[in-house]
């Protein structure tokens, strides 16, 4: 399943096409935070609240995307926790 991430804030040139193309499966992602923050691409939909009419697809996708980002961050930390240290050149090596 393709993931569509919305990374632009309040830019209608991007938001309108994004929401049109994502068909209710889009996810908002806030980059640069120490914690993972995702949210569904739709608003609060107060007019259908409590009526059992809401589609949970975007909400589920936001959760799955958050889990994937979290796992990627864990993997990155694991891969970079013990990097090779730069070795100092030894003094007095003979040239060949």
C-alpha atoms as a PDB file:
ATOM      1  CA  UNK A   1       0.000   0.000   0.000  1.00  0.00           C
ATOM      2  CA  UNK A   2       1.446   3.325  -1.012  1.00  0.00           C
ATOM      3  CA  UNK A   3       1.855   5.879   1.731  1.00  0.00           C
ATOM      4  CA  UNK A   4       1.158   9.496   1.026  1.00  0.00           C
ATOM      5  CA  UNK A   5       2.580  11.949   3.505  1.00  0.00           C
ATOM      6  CA  UNK A   6       1.546  15.542   3.792  1.00  0.00           C
ATOM      7  CA  UNK A   7       4.530  17.576   4.872  1.00  0.00           C
ATOM      8  CA  UNK A   8       3.421  21.049   3.868  1.00  0.00           C
ATOM      9  CA  UNK A   9       1.580  23.263   6.349  1.00  0.00           C
ATOM     10  CA  UNK A  10      -1.379  25.374   5.237  1.00  0.00           C
ATOM     11  CA  UNK A  11      -0.333  25.552   1.597  1.00  0.00           C
ATOM     12  CA  UNK A  12      -3.547  25.112  -0.360  1.00  0.00           C
ATOM     13  CA  UNK A  13      -1.648  24.548  -3.595  1.00  0.00           C
ATOM     14  CA  UNK A  14      -0.425  21.282  -2.073  1.00  0.00           C
ATOM     15  CA  UNK A  15      -3.199  20.314   0.376  1.00  0.00           C
ATOM     16  CA  UNK A  16      -6.080  20.303  -2.118  1.00  0.00           C
ATOM     17  CA  UNK A  17      -4.384  18.017  -4.690  1.00  0.00           C
ATOM     18  CA  UNK A  18      -3.026  15.831  -1.880  1.00  0.00           C
ATOM     19  CA  UNK A  19      -6.460  15.266  -0.360  1.00  0.00           C
ATOM     20  CA  UNK A  20      -7.991  14.713  -3.789  1.00  0.00           C
ATOM     21  CA  UNK A  21      -5.402  12.075  -4.736  1.00  0.00           C
ATOM     22  CA  UNK A  22      -5.188  10.310  -1.374  1.00  0.00           C
ATOM     23  CA  UNK A  23      -8.904   9.344  -1.356  1.00  0.00           C
ATOM     24  CA  UNK A  24      -9.200   9.425   2.453  1.00  0.00           C
ATOM     25  CA  UNK A  25      -6.030   7.407   3.059  1.00  0.00           C
ATOM     26  CA  UNK A  26      -3.685  10.354   3.474  1.00  0.00           C
ATOM     27  CA  UNK A  27      -1.631  10.952   6.585  1.00  0.00           C
ATOM     28  CA  UNK A  28      -0.308  14.200   8.040  1.00  0.00           C
ATOM     29  CA  UNK A  29       3.220  13.789   9.455  1.00  0.00           C
ATOM     30  CA  UNK A  30       4.983  16.391  11.574  1.00  0.00           C
ATOM     31  CA  UNK A  31       8.718  16.082  10.946  1.00  0.00           C
ATOM     32  CA  UNK A  32      11.490  17.259  13.243  1.00  0.00           C
ATOM     33  CA  UNK A  33       9.933  16.219  16.555  1.00  0.00           C
ATOM     34  CA  UNK A  34      11.546  13.890  19.096  1.00  0.00           C
ATOM     35  CA  UNK A  35       8.282  11.912  19.121  1.00  0.00           C
ATOM     36  CA  UNK A  36       6.419  10.539  16.121  1.00  0.00           C
ATOM     37  CA  UNK A  37       3.296  12.568  15.301  1.00  0.00           C
ATOM     38  CA  UNK A  38       0.873  11.502  12.587  1.00  0.00           C
ATOM     39  CA  UNK A  39      -2.802  12.274  12.078  1.00  0.00           C
ATOM     40  CA  UNK A  40      -5.535  11.464   9.545  1.00  0.00           C
ATOM     41  CA  UNK A  41      -5.812  13.827   6.593  1.00  0.00           C
ATOM     42  CA  UNK A  42      -9.456  14.643   7.326  1.00  0.00           C
ATOM     43  CA  UNK A  43     -10.904  17.123   9.790  1.00  0.00           C
ATOM     44  CA  UNK A  44     -13.032  16.451  12.841  1.00  0.00           C
ATOM     45  CA  UNK A  45     -16.293  15.863  10.930  1.00  0.00           C
ATOM     46  CA  UNK A  46     -18.513  17.003  13.804  1.00  0.00           C
ATOM     47  CA  UNK A  47     -21.597  16.667  11.586  1.00  0.00           C
ATOM     48  CA  UNK A  48     -21.255  12.854  11.516  1.00  0.00           C
ATOM     49  CA  UNK A  49     -19.781  12.337  14.998  1.00  0.00           C
ATOM     50  CA  UNK A  50     -21.539   9.591  16.945  1.00  0.00           C
ATOM     51  CA  UNK A  51     -23.608   8.419  13.964  1.00  0.00           C
ATOM     52  CA  UNK A  52     -21.412   5.481  12.938  1.00  0.00           C
ATOM     53  CA  UNK A  53     -20.843   6.976   9.477  1.00  0.00           C
ATOM     54  CA  UNK A  54     -17.137   7.815   9.716  1.00  0.00           C
ATOM     55  CA  UNK A  55     -14.546   5.945   7.654  1.00  0.00           C
ATOM     56  CA  UNK A  56     -11.598   4.851   9.822  1.00  0.00           C
ATOM     57  CA  UNK A  57      -9.232   4.159   6.901  1.00  0.00           C
ATOM     58  CA  UNK A  58      -7.196   7.365   7.246  1.00  0.00           C
ATOM     59  CA  UNK A  59      -7.039   6.959  11.035  1.00  0.00           C
ATOM     60  CA  UNK A  60      -5.729   3.393  10.670  1.00  0.00           C
ATOM     61  CA  UNK A  61      -3.206   4.515   8.059  1.00  0.00           C
ATOM     62  CA  UNK A  62      -1.974   7.249  10.425  1.00  0.00           C
ATOM     63  CA  UNK A  63      -1.362   4.617  13.116  1.00  0.00           C
ATOM     64  CA  UNK A  64       0.398   2.232  10.709  1.00  0.00           C
ATOM     65  CA  UNK A  65       2.557   5.074   9.376  1.00  0.00           C
ATOM     66  CA  UNK A  66       3.513   6.134  12.916  1.00  0.00           C
ATOM     67  CA  UNK A  67       4.547   2.550  13.720  1.00  0.00           C
ATOM     68  CA  UNK A  68       6.615   2.336  10.524  1.00  0.00           C
ATOM     69  CA  UNK A  69       8.370   5.656  11.284  1.00  0.00           C
ATOM     70  CA  UNK A  70       9.050   4.528  14.863  1.00  0.00           C
ATOM     71  CA  UNK A  71      10.570   1.239  13.658  1.00  0.00           C
ATOM     72  CA  UNK A  72      12.697   3.072  11.074  1.00  0.00           C
ATOM     73  CA  UNK A  73      14.008   5.390  13.791  1.00  0.00           C
ATOM     74  CA  UNK A  74      14.845   2.399  16.003  1.00  0.00           C
ATOM     75  CA  UNK A  75      16.681   0.704  13.133  1.00  0.00           C
ATOM     76  CA  UNK A  76      18.618   3.897  12.378  1.00  0.00           C
ATOM     77  CA  UNK A  77      19.666   4.247  16.031  1.00  0.00           C
ATOM     78  CA  UNK A  78      20.782   0.603  16.087  1.00  0.00           C
ATOM     79  CA  UNK A  79      22.794   0.954  12.884  1.00  0.00           C
ATOM     80  CA  UNK A  80      24.507   4.173  13.975  1.00  0.00           C
ATOM     81  CA  UNK A  81      25.102   3.576  17.678  1.00  0.00           C
ATOM     82  CA  UNK A  82      28.648   2.263  17.225  1.00  0.00           C
ATOM     83  CA  UNK A  83      30.187   3.937  14.174  1.00  0.00           C
ATOM     84  CA  UNK A  84      33.783   3.292  13.195  1.00  0.00           C
ATOM     85  CA  UNK A  85      36.106   5.848  14.687  1.00  0.00           C
ATOM     86  CA  UNK A  86      38.590   7.651  12.476  1.00  0.00           C
ATOM     87  CA  UNK A  87      42.068   6.305  13.087  1.00  0.00           C
ATOM     88  CA  UNK A  88      44.928   8.709  13.613  1.00  0.00           C
ATOM     89  CA  UNK A  89      47.858   8.231  11.253  1.00  0.00           C
ATOM     90  CA  UNK A  90      50.840   6.671  12.936  1.00  0.00           C
ATOM     91  CA  UNK A  91      53.972   8.815  13.171  1.00  0.00           C
ATOM     92  CA  UNK A  92      57.197   7.411  11.785  1.00  0.00           C
ATOM     93  CA  UNK A  93      55.767   5.137   9.107  1.00  0.00           C
ATOM     94  CA  UNK A  94      58.294   4.417   6.441  1.00  0.00           C
ATOM     95  CA  UNK A  95      57.436   5.355   2.869  1.00  0.00           C
ATOM     96  CA  UNK A  96      57.672   2.510   0.372  1.00  0.00           C
END
